[in-house]
Amino acid sequence: MGFGRALEAGDRSVAQRLAHTVKGVAGNLSATALQTTAWALEQALGEDREGAIAEALKGFDAALALTLAGARALGLEPAVASTPDGPP
């Protein structure tokens, strides 16, 4: 389940866990913009702040797009779908 599906289902704990996982992976890859926005999303989800969640998700989506574009520029392709909802 991806962020979008988890939020639509009202399952903030799953969305928060996904944000935490992305934060860690981004840190391992030195993708600091993605790590920072994943942290902000994780915090907003944990505090259950609607406006902050929407804003953090926008920042996260932008940082993810930049990170994936950078990976593609290096000749790498993501192994799974690059949408917030993940693979079907």
N, C-alpha and C. Protein backbone atom coordinates (compact mmCIF):
# COMPACT_ATOMS: atom_id res chain seq x y z
N MET A 1 0.85 -1.17 0.00
CA MET A 1 0.00 0.00 0.00
C MET A 1 0.90 1.24 0.00
N GLY A 2 0.57 2.22 -0.83
CA GLY A 2 1.35 3.45 -0.92
C GLY A 2 0.73 4.57 -0.10
N PHE A 3 1.37 5.73 -0.12
CA PHE A 3 0.89 6.87 0.65
C PHE A 3 -0.55 7.22 0.32
N GLY A 4 -0.83 7.39 -0.97
CA GLY A 4 -2.18 7.78 -1.39
C GLY A 4 -3.25 6.82 -0.92
N ARG A 5 -3.00 5.56 -1.12
CA ARG A 5 -3.98 4.54 -0.70
C ARG A 5 -4.14 4.50 0.81
N ALA A 6 -3.02 4.62 1.51
CA ALA A 6 -3.08 4.59 2.97
C ALA A 6 -3.87 5.80 3.49
N LEU A 7 -3.62 6.97 2.93
CA LEU A 7 -4.34 8.16 3.37
C LEU A 7 -5.81 8.10 3.00
N GLU A 8 -6.12 7.61 1.80
CA GLU A 8 -7.52 7.46 1.40
C GLU A 8 -8.26 6.51 2.34
N ALA A 9 -7.57 5.48 2.79
CA ALA A 9 -8.17 4.50 3.70
C ALA A 9 -8.17 4.99 5.14
N GLY A 10 -7.56 6.17 5.37
CA GLY A 10 -7.51 6.70 6.73
C GLY A 10 -6.48 6.01 7.60
N ASP A 11 -5.55 5.29 6.98
CA ASP A 11 -4.54 4.55 7.73
C ASP A 11 -3.25 5.36 7.82
N ARG A 12 -3.25 6.31 8.71
CA ARG A 12 -2.09 7.20 8.85
C ARG A 12 -0.88 6.46 9.39
N SER A 13 -1.09 5.40 10.16
CA SER A 13 0.06 4.67 10.70
C SER A 13 0.86 4.01 9.59
N VAL A 14 0.18 3.48 8.58
CA VAL A 14 0.89 2.88 7.43
C VAL A 14 1.62 3.97 6.66
N ALA A 15 0.95 5.09 6.40
CA ALA A 15 1.58 6.19 5.69
C ALA A 15 2.79 6.71 6.46
N GLN A 16 2.67 6.79 7.77
CA GLN A 16 3.79 7.26 8.59
C GLN A 16 4.96 6.28 8.53
N ARG A 17 4.66 5.00 8.55
CA ARG A 17 5.71 3.99 8.46
C ARG A 17 6.41 4.05 7.10
N LEU A 18 5.64 4.28 6.03
CA LEU A 18 6.24 4.43 4.70
C LEU A 18 7.15 5.65 4.65
N ALA A 19 6.70 6.75 5.22
CA ALA A 19 7.52 7.96 5.24
C ALA A 19 8.82 7.71 6.01
N HIS A 20 8.72 7.00 7.11
CA HIS A 20 9.90 6.67 7.92
C HIS A 20 10.88 5.81 7.12
N THR A 21 10.36 4.84 6.40
CA THR A 21 11.20 3.96 5.59
C THR A 21 11.90 4.74 4.48
N VAL A 22 11.14 5.60 3.79
CA VAL A 22 11.73 6.41 2.73
C VAL A 22 12.79 7.33 3.31
N LYS A 23 12.53 7.90 4.47
CA LYS A 23 13.51 8.78 5.13
C LYS A 23 14.83 8.04 5.32
N GLY A 24 14.77 6.82 5.81
CA GLY A 24 15.98 6.05 6.04
C GLY A 24 16.71 5.69 4.75
N VAL A 25 15.98 5.26 3.76
CA VAL A 25 16.59 4.90 2.48
C VAL A 25 17.21 6.14 1.84
N ALA A 26 16.48 7.24 1.87
CA ALA A 26 17.00 8.49 1.29
C ALA A 26 18.29 8.91 1.99
N GLY A 27 18.33 8.74 3.30
CA GLY A 27 19.55 9.06 4.04
C GLY A 27 20.72 8.19 3.61
N ASN A 28 20.46 6.91 3.41
CA ASN A 28 21.51 5.99 2.97
C ASN A 28 22.05 6.36 1.59
N LEU A 29 21.18 6.97 0.77
CA LEU A 29 21.57 7.37 -0.59
C LEU A 29 22.08 8.81 -0.66
N SER A 30 22.11 9.48 0.47
CA SER A 30 22.47 10.91 0.54
C SER A 30 21.54 11.78 -0.29
N ALA A 31 20.29 11.37 -0.40
CA ALA A 31 19.27 12.16 -1.08
C ALA A 31 18.63 13.05 -0.02
N THR A 32 19.34 14.11 0.36
CA THR A 32 18.95 14.89 1.52
C THR A 32 17.62 15.61 1.37
N ALA A 33 17.30 16.09 0.17
CA ALA A 33 16.00 16.76 -0.02
C ALA A 33 14.86 15.76 0.22
N LEU A 34 15.01 14.56 -0.31
CA LEU A 34 13.98 13.53 -0.11
C LEU A 34 13.92 13.12 1.35
N GLN A 35 15.07 12.99 1.98
CA GLN A 35 15.11 12.61 3.39
C GLN A 35 14.40 13.67 4.25
N THR A 36 14.67 14.93 3.98
CA THR A 36 14.07 16.02 4.75
C THR A 36 12.56 16.07 4.57
N THR A 37 12.11 15.92 3.33
CA THR A 37 10.66 15.99 3.10
C THR A 37 9.96 14.75 3.63
N ALA A 38 10.62 13.60 3.61
CA ALA A 38 10.04 12.39 4.20
C ALA A 38 9.92 12.56 5.71
N TRP A 39 10.92 13.19 6.32
CA TRP A 39 10.87 13.47 7.77
C TRP A 39 9.69 14.39 8.08
N ALA A 40 9.53 15.45 7.28
CA ALA A 40 8.42 16.39 7.51
C ALA A 40 7.08 15.69 7.36
N LEU A 41 6.96 14.81 6.38
CA LEU A 41 5.72 14.06 6.18
C LEU A 41 5.49 13.11 7.35
N GLU A 42 6.51 12.43 7.79
CA GLU A 42 6.39 11.52 8.94
C GLU A 42 5.90 12.28 10.18
N GLN A 43 6.48 13.45 10.43
CA GLN A 43 6.09 14.25 11.59
C GLN A 43 4.65 14.73 11.47
N ALA A 44 4.27 15.24 10.31
CA ALA A 44 2.91 15.73 10.11
C ALA A 44 1.89 14.61 10.30
N LEU A 45 2.21 13.43 9.79
CA LEU A 45 1.30 12.29 9.95
C LEU A 45 1.20 11.89 11.42
N GLY A 46 2.30 11.92 12.13
CA GLY A 46 2.31 11.56 13.53
C GLY A 46 1.52 12.52 14.39
N GLU A 47 1.51 13.79 13.98
CA GLU A 47 0.79 14.81 14.73
C GLU A 47 -0.64 14.99 14.21
N ASP A 48 -0.98 14.28 13.11
CA ASP A 48 -2.33 14.28 12.55
C ASP A 48 -2.81 15.69 12.21
N ARG A 49 -1.94 16.45 11.53
CA ARG A 49 -2.28 17.82 11.13
C ARG A 49 -2.60 17.83 9.65
N GLU A 50 -3.88 17.94 9.30
CA GLU A 50 -4.36 17.85 7.92
C GLU A 50 -3.62 18.79 6.97
N GLY A 51 -3.58 20.08 7.27
CA GLY A 51 -2.93 21.04 6.38
C GLY A 51 -1.46 20.75 6.22
N ALA A 52 -0.81 20.39 7.31
CA ALA A 52 0.61 20.07 7.26
C ALA A 52 0.87 18.80 6.47
N ILE A 53 -0.04 17.84 6.55
CA ILE A 53 0.11 16.60 5.79
C ILE A 53 0.05 16.90 4.30
N ALA A 54 -0.92 17.68 3.88
CA ALA A 54 -1.06 18.02 2.46
C ALA A 54 0.16 18.77 1.96
N GLU A 55 0.65 19.72 2.74
CA GLU A 55 1.83 20.50 2.35
C GLU A 55 3.07 19.62 2.30
N ALA A 56 3.23 18.77 3.30
CA ALA A 56 4.40 17.87 3.34
C ALA A 56 4.36 16.88 2.18
N LEU A 57 3.18 16.41 1.83
CA LEU A 57 3.05 15.47 0.72
C LEU A 57 3.44 16.13 -0.60
N LYS A 58 3.10 17.40 -0.78
CA LYS A 58 3.51 18.13 -1.99
C LYS A 58 5.03 18.22 -2.06
N GLY A 59 5.66 18.59 -0.95
CA GLY A 59 7.11 18.67 -0.92
C GLY A 59 7.77 17.33 -1.15
N PHE A 60 7.18 16.29 -0.56
CA PHE A 60 7.70 14.94 -0.73
C PHE A 60 7.63 14.52 -2.19
N ASP A 61 6.47 14.76 -2.82
CA ASP A 61 6.29 14.38 -4.23
C ASP A 61 7.33 15.08 -5.11
N ALA A 62 7.58 16.37 -4.85
CA ALA A 62 8.55 17.12 -5.64
C ALA A 62 9.96 16.57 -5.43
N ALA A 63 10.32 16.29 -4.18
CA ALA A 63 11.66 15.75 -3.89
C ALA A 63 11.83 14.36 -4.48
N LEU A 64 10.78 13.55 -4.44
CA LEU A 64 10.84 12.22 -5.03
C LEU A 64 11.05 12.31 -6.53
N ALA A 65 10.33 13.21 -7.18
CA ALA A 65 10.48 13.39 -8.63
C ALA A 65 11.91 13.80 -8.98
N LEU A 66 12.48 14.73 -8.21
CA LEU A 66 13.85 15.16 -8.47
C LEU A 66 14.85 14.03 -8.24
N THR A 67 14.63 13.26 -7.20
CA THR A 67 15.53 12.15 -6.89
C THR A 67 15.48 11.10 -7.99
N LEU A 68 14.27 10.78 -8.45
CA LEU A 68 14.13 9.79 -9.52
C LEU A 68 14.71 10.31 -10.83
N ALA A 69 14.54 11.61 -11.10
CA ALA A 69 15.13 12.20 -12.31
C ALA A 69 16.65 12.11 -12.25
N GLY A 70 17.22 12.37 -11.09
CA GLY A 70 18.66 12.25 -10.92
C GLY A 70 19.14 10.83 -11.12
N ALA A 71 18.40 9.88 -10.60
CA ALA A 71 18.76 8.47 -10.79
C ALA A 71 18.70 8.08 -12.26
N ARG A 72 17.67 8.56 -12.94
CA ARG A 72 17.55 8.25 -14.38
C ARG A 72 18.68 8.89 -15.17
N ALA A 73 19.10 10.08 -14.77
CA ALA A 73 20.21 10.76 -15.44
C ALA A 73 21.50 9.95 -15.32
N LEU A 74 21.59 9.16 -14.27
CA LEU A 74 22.74 8.29 -14.07
C LEU A 74 22.57 6.93 -14.76
N GLY A 75 21.44 6.76 -15.46
CA GLY A 75 21.17 5.52 -16.16
C GLY A 75 20.49 4.47 -15.30
N LEU A 76 19.96 4.88 -14.16
CA LEU A 76 19.27 3.95 -13.26
C LEU A 76 17.77 4.07 -13.45
N GLU A 77 17.07 2.99 -13.27
CA GLU A 77 15.62 2.99 -13.33
C GLU A 77 15.08 2.42 -12.03
N PRO A 78 13.98 3.01 -11.51
CA PRO A 78 13.40 2.46 -10.28
C PRO A 78 12.86 1.05 -10.52
N ALA A 79 12.95 0.24 -9.49
CA ALA A 79 12.50 -1.15 -9.61
C ALA A 79 10.99 -1.29 -9.45
N VAL A 80 10.34 -0.26 -8.90
CA VAL A 80 8.89 -0.28 -8.71
C VAL A 80 8.31 1.01 -9.25
N ALA A 81 6.99 1.08 -9.31
CA ALA A 81 6.32 2.29 -9.79
C ALA A 81 6.76 3.48 -8.95
N SER A 82 6.90 4.64 -9.59
CA SER A 82 7.40 5.82 -8.90
C SER A 82 6.29 6.76 -8.45
N THR A 83 5.09 6.23 -8.29
CA THR A 83 3.99 7.05 -7.80
C THR A 83 3.88 6.91 -6.30
N PRO A 84 3.24 7.88 -5.64
CA PRO A 84 3.07 7.75 -4.19
C PRO A 84 2.30 6.49 -3.78
N ASP A 85 1.57 5.88 -4.72
CA ASP A 85 0.82 4.68 -4.39
C ASP A 85 1.61 3.41 -4.62
N GLY A 86 2.79 3.52 -5.18
CA GLY A 86 3.64 2.34 -5.38
C GLY A 86 3.07 1.40 -6.42
N PRO A 87 3.50 0.16 -6.41
CA PRO A 87 3.05 -0.81 -7.42
C PRO A 87 1.57 -1.13 -7.26
N PRO A 88 0.95 -1.52 -8.35
CA PRO A 88 -0.50 -1.86 -8.26
C PRO A 88 -0.77 -3.04 -7.37
